[in-house]
N, C-alpha and C. Protein backbone atom coordinates (compact mmCIF):
# COMPACT_ATOMS: atom_id res chain seq x y z
N MET A 1 -66.99 -159.97 91.42
CA MET A 1 -67.90 -160.50 90.22
C MET A 1 -68.83 -159.16 90.43
N THR A 2 -69.72 -158.96 88.87
CA THR A 2 -70.57 -158.12 88.90
C THR A 2 -72.02 -159.34 88.79
N ARG A 3 -73.14 -158.87 89.01
CA ARG A 3 -74.61 -159.83 89.04
C ARG A 3 -74.01 -160.03 87.46
N ILE A 4 -74.46 -159.70 86.64
CA ILE A 4 -74.39 -160.42 85.55
C ILE A 4 -73.42 -161.34 85.30
N GLU A 5 -72.29 -161.03 85.61
CA GLU A 5 -71.08 -162.46 85.37
C GLU A 5 -71.71 -163.52 86.57
N ARG A 6 -72.15 -162.91 87.32
CA ARG A 6 -72.88 -164.26 88.82
C ARG A 6 -73.84 -164.59 88.06
N ASN A 7 -74.83 -163.99 87.37
CA ASN A 7 -76.41 -164.58 86.55
C ASN A 7 -75.09 -165.52 85.36
N CYS A 8 -74.68 -165.25 85.22
CA CYS A 8 -74.06 -165.85 83.87
C CYS A 8 -73.50 -167.43 84.24
N CYS A 9 -72.99 -167.77 85.72
CA CYS A 9 -71.80 -168.33 85.62
C CYS A 9 -73.25 -169.10 86.75
N VAL A 10 -74.08 -168.89 87.22
CA VAL A 10 -75.06 -169.70 87.64
C VAL A 10 -76.13 -170.45 86.33
N CYS A 11 -76.46 -169.87 85.72
CA CYS A 11 -77.41 -170.47 84.72
C CYS A 11 -76.38 -171.37 83.93
N TRP A 12 -75.35 -171.24 83.44
CA TRP A 12 -74.24 -172.32 83.00
C TRP A 12 -74.30 -173.06 83.52
N CYS A 13 -74.06 -173.50 85.01
CA CYS A 13 -74.08 -173.87 86.05
C CYS A 13 -75.31 -175.36 86.03
N LEU A 14 -76.77 -174.39 85.35
CA LEU A 14 -77.72 -175.32 85.73
C LEU A 14 -77.99 -175.47 84.92
N GLY A 15 -77.65 -175.79 83.61
CA GLY A 15 -77.64 -175.80 82.05
C GLY A 15 -78.87 -174.96 81.68
N TRP A 16 -79.01 -174.09 81.99
CA TRP A 16 -80.46 -173.08 81.48
C TRP A 16 -80.29 -172.18 80.33
N LEU A 17 -81.16 -173.00 79.45
CA LEU A 17 -81.48 -172.04 78.04
C LEU A 17 -82.46 -171.28 78.17
N PRO A 18 -82.59 -170.28 77.16
CA PRO A 18 -83.60 -169.76 77.36
C PRO A 18 -85.32 -170.28 76.12
N ASP A 19 -85.85 -170.20 77.07
CA ASP A 19 -87.24 -171.01 76.58
C ASP A 19 -87.15 -172.38 76.85
N GLY A 20 -86.18 -172.80 77.59
CA GLY A 20 -85.88 -174.56 77.91
C GLY A 20 -85.62 -175.72 76.81
N THR A 21 -85.72 -174.93 75.75
CA THR A 21 -85.20 -175.33 74.79
C THR A 21 -84.27 -175.07 73.62
N PRO A 22 -83.09 -175.89 72.85
CA PRO A 22 -81.86 -175.42 72.54
C PRO A 22 -82.76 -174.97 71.01
N ARG A 23 -81.82 -174.26 70.78
CA ARG A 23 -83.12 -173.52 68.81
C ARG A 23 -81.30 -173.52 68.81
N PRO A 24 -81.12 -172.72 67.18
CA PRO A 24 -80.35 -173.32 65.99
C PRO A 24 -78.86 -171.70 66.94
N CYS A 25 -77.81 -172.58 66.04
CA CYS A 25 -76.36 -171.97 66.97
C CYS A 25 -76.63 -170.80 65.76
N PRO A 26 -76.73 -169.62 65.82
CA PRO A 26 -76.32 -168.78 64.43
C PRO A 26 -75.25 -168.76 64.12
N ILE A 27 -73.89 -169.33 64.74
CA ILE A 27 -72.87 -169.31 63.92
C ILE A 27 -73.35 -171.04 63.04
N HIS A 28 -73.79 -172.13 63.50
CA HIS A 28 -73.96 -172.86 62.46
C HIS A 28 -74.96 -173.75 63.00
N PRO A 29 -76.08 -172.50 61.64
CA PRO A 29 -77.57 -173.09 62.11
C PRO A 29 -77.97 -174.54 61.79
N SER A 30 -77.59 -175.31 61.32
CA SER A 30 -77.36 -176.78 61.17
C SER A 30 -77.32 -177.80 62.74
N GLN A 31 -76.43 -177.02 63.36
CA GLN A 31 -76.59 -177.46 64.77
C GLN A 31 -77.74 -176.85 66.22
N LYS A 32 -77.76 -177.70 66.94
CA LYS A 32 -78.78 -176.91 68.23
C LYS A 32 -77.54 -176.37 69.03
N LEU A 33 -78.34 -175.24 69.27
CA LEU A 33 -77.46 -174.71 70.69
C LEU A 33 -77.25 -175.37 71.51
N THR A 34 -76.58 -176.81 71.79
CA THR A 34 -76.84 -177.22 73.28
C THR A 34 -75.53 -176.81 73.84
N LYS A 35 -75.44 -177.47 75.55
CA LYS A 35 -74.16 -177.12 76.41
C LYS A 35 -72.87 -177.81 75.35
N SER A 36 -73.44 -178.69 74.88
CA SER A 36 -72.25 -179.55 74.63
C SER A 36 -71.31 -179.07 73.26
N HIS A 37 -72.49 -178.54 71.84
CA HIS A 37 -72.19 -177.74 71.19
C HIS A 37 -71.63 -176.36 71.71
N SER A 38 -72.20 -175.31 72.19
CA SER A 38 -71.41 -174.58 72.83
C SER A 38 -70.09 -174.65 73.10
N ILE A 39 -69.51 -175.94 74.17
CA ILE A 39 -68.34 -176.34 74.18
C ILE A 39 -67.80 -176.00 73.24
N HIS A 40 -67.87 -177.05 71.74
CA HIS A 40 -66.87 -177.10 70.75
C HIS A 40 -67.30 -175.69 69.91
N CYS A 41 -68.41 -175.11 70.27
CA CYS A 41 -68.48 -174.04 69.01
C CYS A 41 -67.42 -172.81 69.64
N LEU A 42 -67.64 -172.47 70.63
CA LEU A 42 -66.66 -171.65 71.33
C LEU A 42 -65.24 -171.61 71.59
N ASN A 43 -65.07 -172.89 71.05
CA ASN A 43 -63.33 -173.80 71.39
C ASN A 43 -63.32 -173.66 72.69
N MET A 44 -63.91 -173.77 73.85
CA MET A 44 -63.42 -173.63 75.11
C MET A 44 -62.16 -174.40 75.44
N HIS A 45 -62.24 -175.49 75.33
CA HIS A 45 -61.02 -176.40 75.64
C HIS A 45 -59.75 -175.49 75.56
N ARG A 46 -59.52 -174.96 74.35
CA ARG A 46 -58.72 -174.12 73.37
C ARG A 46 -58.76 -173.33 74.41
N ARG A 47 -59.28 -172.09 74.57
CA ARG A 47 -59.27 -171.06 74.95
C ARG A 47 -59.09 -170.95 76.65
N LEU A 48 -59.54 -172.13 76.77
CA LEU A 48 -59.21 -172.01 78.64
C LEU A 48 -58.07 -172.76 78.99
N GLN A 49 -57.23 -173.68 77.86
CA GLN A 49 -56.20 -174.31 78.25
C GLN A 49 -56.17 -175.02 78.89
N LEU A 50 -57.58 -176.34 78.73
CA LEU A 50 -57.55 -177.25 79.45
C LEU A 50 -57.61 -178.89 77.97
N PRO A 51 -57.42 -179.95 79.04
CA PRO A 51 -57.40 -180.62 77.95
C PRO A 51 -58.69 -181.39 77.43
N GLU A 52 -58.80 -181.83 76.89
CA GLU A 52 -59.80 -182.46 75.74
C GLU A 52 -60.72 -183.58 76.51
N MET A 53 -60.05 -184.05 77.64
CA MET A 53 -61.04 -185.38 78.49
C MET A 53 -61.72 -184.93 79.24
N ILE A 54 -61.78 -183.50 79.72
CA ILE A 54 -62.61 -182.42 80.51
C ILE A 54 -63.84 -182.59 79.91
N VAL A 55 -64.96 -182.90 80.14
CA VAL A 55 -66.06 -183.06 79.60
C VAL A 55 -66.80 -181.43 79.19
N ASP A 56 -66.80 -180.66 80.12
CA ASP A 56 -67.47 -179.71 80.37
C ASP A 56 -65.84 -178.69 81.27
N PRO A 57 -65.34 -178.05 80.52
CA PRO A 57 -64.62 -177.13 81.08
C PRO A 57 -64.50 -175.71 81.70
N LEU A 58 -66.20 -175.40 81.05
CA LEU A 58 -66.40 -174.21 82.17
C LEU A 58 -66.84 -174.57 83.22
N SER A 59 -67.69 -175.18 83.45
CA SER A 59 -68.29 -176.06 85.02
C SER A 59 -66.96 -176.48 85.61
N PHE A 60 -66.14 -176.76 84.86
CA PHE A 60 -64.75 -177.31 85.80
C PHE A 60 -64.16 -176.04 86.25
N LEU A 61 -63.88 -175.19 85.88
CA LEU A 61 -63.31 -173.95 86.48
C LEU A 61 -64.10 -173.31 87.32
N LEU A 62 -65.68 -173.20 86.65
CA LEU A 62 -66.18 -172.41 88.22
C LEU A 62 -66.30 -173.42 89.30
N ASN A 63 -66.34 -174.88 89.29
CA ASN A 63 -66.21 -175.36 90.54
C ASN A 63 -65.24 -175.18 91.23
N LYS A 64 -64.47 -174.84 90.62
CA LYS A 64 -62.71 -174.49 91.20
C LYS A 64 -62.75 -172.59 91.80
N LEU A 65 -63.43 -171.98 91.95
CA LEU A 65 -63.24 -170.69 92.15
C LEU A 65 -62.97 -170.41 93.55
N PRO A 66 -62.37 -169.67 93.97
CA PRO A 66 -61.85 -169.67 95.40
C PRO A 66 -63.13 -169.16 96.31
N ARG A 67 -62.99 -169.40 97.26
CA ARG A 67 -64.12 -169.08 97.93
C ARG A 67 -63.48 -167.64 99.26
N ARG A 68 -62.17 -167.41 99.13
CA ARG A 68 -61.61 -166.64 99.60
C ARG A 68 -60.73 -165.66 99.13
N THR A 69 -60.59 -164.65 99.52
CA THR A 69 -59.03 -164.17 99.01
C THR A 69 -57.78 -165.19 99.35
N GLN A 70 -57.28 -165.20 98.06
CA GLN A 70 -55.99 -165.72 97.91
C GLN A 70 -54.86 -165.04 98.45
N HIS A 71 -53.93 -165.70 99.01
CA HIS A 71 -52.67 -164.39 99.23
C HIS A 71 -51.34 -165.29 99.05
N SER A 72 -51.40 -165.82 97.86
CA SER A 72 -49.94 -166.16 97.50
C SER A 72 -50.07 -166.21 95.49
N PHE A 73 -49.30 -165.97 95.10
CA PHE A 73 -48.86 -165.72 93.47
C PHE A 73 -49.42 -166.57 93.08
N GLN A 74 -48.75 -168.34 93.83
CA GLN A 74 -49.65 -169.39 92.69
C GLN A 74 -50.35 -169.84 92.64
N ALA A 75 -51.74 -169.22 93.38
CA ALA A 75 -52.81 -169.66 93.60
C ALA A 75 -53.68 -168.28 92.79
N VAL A 76 -53.24 -167.43 92.93
CA VAL A 76 -53.97 -166.10 92.01
C VAL A 76 -53.78 -166.08 90.74
N LEU A 77 -52.40 -166.34 90.11
CA LEU A 77 -52.31 -165.84 88.73
C LEU A 77 -53.17 -166.79 87.32
N PRO A 78 -53.68 -168.06 88.17
CA PRO A 78 -54.23 -168.61 86.87
C PRO A 78 -55.47 -168.58 86.97
N TRP A 79 -56.08 -167.77 87.66
CA TRP A 79 -57.15 -166.82 87.88
C TRP A 79 -57.49 -165.34 87.07
N SER A 80 -55.69 -164.89 87.31
CA SER A 80 -56.00 -163.44 86.26
C SER A 80 -56.05 -163.62 85.26
N LEU A 81 -55.62 -164.83 84.79
CA LEU A 81 -55.32 -165.57 82.71
C LEU A 81 -56.52 -166.14 82.40
N ARG A 82 -57.24 -166.95 83.40
CA ARG A 82 -58.48 -167.34 82.67
C ARG A 82 -59.92 -166.68 82.88
N TRP A 83 -59.90 -165.97 84.45
CA TRP A 83 -61.23 -165.30 84.84
C TRP A 83 -61.60 -164.72 82.81
N PRO A 84 -60.79 -163.87 82.88
CA PRO A 84 -61.01 -162.95 81.50
C PRO A 84 -61.83 -163.39 80.73
N THR A 85 -60.89 -164.67 80.47
CA THR A 85 -61.73 -165.47 79.36
C THR A 85 -63.14 -165.85 79.19
N ILE A 86 -63.39 -166.15 80.75
CA ILE A 86 -64.17 -167.32 81.29
C ILE A 86 -65.54 -166.46 81.10
N CYS A 87 -65.14 -164.69 81.39
CA CYS A 87 -66.15 -164.15 81.26
C CYS A 87 -66.35 -163.70 80.04
N THR A 88 -65.54 -163.91 79.10
CA THR A 88 -65.82 -163.06 77.83
C THR A 88 -66.79 -164.87 76.91
N ILE A 89 -66.20 -165.59 77.31
CA ILE A 89 -66.76 -167.25 76.55
C ILE A 89 -68.46 -167.19 76.80
N LEU A 90 -68.48 -166.39 78.66
CA LEU A 90 -70.08 -166.31 79.64
C LEU A 90 -70.86 -165.61 78.23
N TYR A 91 -70.16 -164.29 77.73
CA TYR A 91 -70.74 -162.96 77.12
C TYR A 91 -71.90 -163.52 75.81
N GLU A 92 -70.39 -164.01 75.48
CA GLU A 92 -70.34 -164.53 74.23
C GLU A 92 -71.71 -165.53 73.76
N LEU A 93 -71.75 -166.71 74.85
CA LEU A 93 -72.95 -167.63 74.98
C LEU A 93 -74.05 -166.98 75.22
N ASP A 94 -73.92 -165.60 76.07
CA ASP A 94 -75.60 -165.31 76.22
C ASP A 94 -75.95 -164.80 75.02
N TYR A 95 -75.28 -163.99 74.31
CA TYR A 95 -75.61 -163.51 72.93
C TYR A 95 -75.93 -164.49 71.75
N LEU A 96 -75.37 -166.03 71.66
CA LEU A 96 -76.13 -166.81 71.20
C LEU A 96 -77.03 -167.66 71.36
N CYS A 97 -77.31 -167.46 72.90
CA CYS A 97 -78.51 -168.02 73.42
C CYS A 97 -79.96 -167.12 73.08
N HIS A 98 -79.44 -165.93 72.34
CA HIS A 98 -80.69 -164.92 72.13
C HIS A 98 -80.71 -165.20 70.75
N ASP A 99 -80.04 -165.53 69.98
CA ASP A 99 -80.27 -166.22 68.45
C ASP A 99 -79.58 -164.77 67.69
N LYS A 100 -77.83 -164.17 68.38
CA LYS A 100 -77.19 -163.17 68.52
C LYS A 100 -75.70 -163.17 67.53
N ILE A 101 -75.27 -163.50 66.98
CA ILE A 101 -73.75 -162.61 66.92
C ILE A 101 -73.53 -162.24 68.26
N PRO A 102 -72.57 -162.70 68.71
CA PRO A 102 -71.72 -162.05 69.81
C PRO A 102 -70.76 -160.95 69.28
N PRO A 103 -70.85 -159.81 69.51
CA PRO A 103 -69.81 -158.14 69.19
C PRO A 103 -68.59 -158.82 70.76
N SER A 104 -67.77 -157.72 69.64
CA SER A 104 -66.61 -157.98 70.84
C SER A 104 -67.15 -157.48 72.45
N PRO A 105 -66.73 -158.30 72.87
CA PRO A 105 -66.90 -158.07 74.33
C PRO A 105 -66.21 -156.48 75.16
N PRO A 106 -66.94 -156.18 76.32
CA PRO A 106 -66.22 -154.99 76.38
C PRO A 106 -65.30 -154.96 77.32
N PRO A 107 -64.67 -153.69 77.07
CA PRO A 107 -62.95 -153.77 78.01
C PRO A 107 -63.37 -153.96 79.36
N TYR A 108 -62.33 -154.59 79.76
CA TYR A 108 -62.11 -154.59 81.12
C TYR A 108 -63.14 -155.50 81.53
N VAL A 109 -63.69 -156.99 80.61
CA VAL A 109 -64.53 -157.85 81.18
C VAL A 109 -63.85 -159.01 82.51
N GLY A 110 -64.69 -158.76 83.04
CA GLY A 110 -64.25 -159.55 84.68
C GLY A 110 -63.49 -158.66 85.69
N GLN A 111 -63.50 -157.42 85.28
CA GLN A 111 -62.33 -157.25 86.23
C GLN A 111 -62.50 -156.95 88.18
N ARG A 112 -64.45 -156.91 88.05
CA ARG A 112 -64.25 -156.65 89.28
C ARG A 112 -63.31 -157.87 90.17
N PHE A 113 -63.51 -158.76 89.25
CA PHE A 113 -63.20 -160.55 90.46
C PHE A 113 -61.74 -160.54 90.50
N LEU A 114 -60.90 -159.30 89.32
CA LEU A 114 -59.68 -159.52 89.33
C LEU A 114 -59.43 -158.68 90.52
N GLU A 115 -60.11 -157.65 90.64
CA GLU A 115 -59.92 -156.59 92.03
C GLU A 115 -59.67 -157.41 92.69
N TRP A 116 -60.65 -158.16 93.03
CA TRP A 116 -61.23 -158.51 94.20
C TRP A 116 -59.47 -159.52 94.76
N LEU A 117 -58.79 -160.10 94.12
CA LEU A 117 -57.72 -160.97 94.48
C LEU A 117 -56.80 -159.69 93.98
N PRO A 118 -55.90 -160.26 95.37
CA PRO A 118 -54.90 -159.44 95.66
C PRO A 118 -53.53 -159.55 94.73
N ASN A 119 -52.95 -158.60 94.42
CA ASN A 119 -51.85 -157.74 93.92
C ASN A 119 -50.51 -158.46 94.59
N VAL A 120 -50.06 -159.96 94.72
CA VAL A 120 -49.28 -160.60 95.48
C VAL A 120 -48.09 -160.32 94.29
N SER A 121 -46.74 -160.08 95.06
CA SER A 121 -45.52 -160.09 94.30
C SER A 121 -45.00 -161.13 93.82
N ARG A 122 -44.07 -160.96 93.13
CA ARG A 122 -43.02 -162.15 92.87
C ARG A 122 -42.17 -162.63 94.31
């Protein structure tokens, strides 16, 4: 995980917003860019493939990040699929918090974490 990715994760978990106050969402100007609005605005439930009953899907997954290298295919596969999506969402959220429409994410977003995960063959 890069320093920037780690910083975005920590800021999300702490509920950090630039200047400490919600601003209008660049995509939906009539809405304030709060944590709950960003969850709906960025379609986090659908993109992370989690049910709507999970109030904060991003924090839910970040709290499940592995602390040690995983050695089974069943433990690695969900992260190899979800981590790039998590990083893309955090990338988009960073732009929205700075009053900008997010461009396409850079290629290989989240690559360092994926490289940390072992290649476990089936």
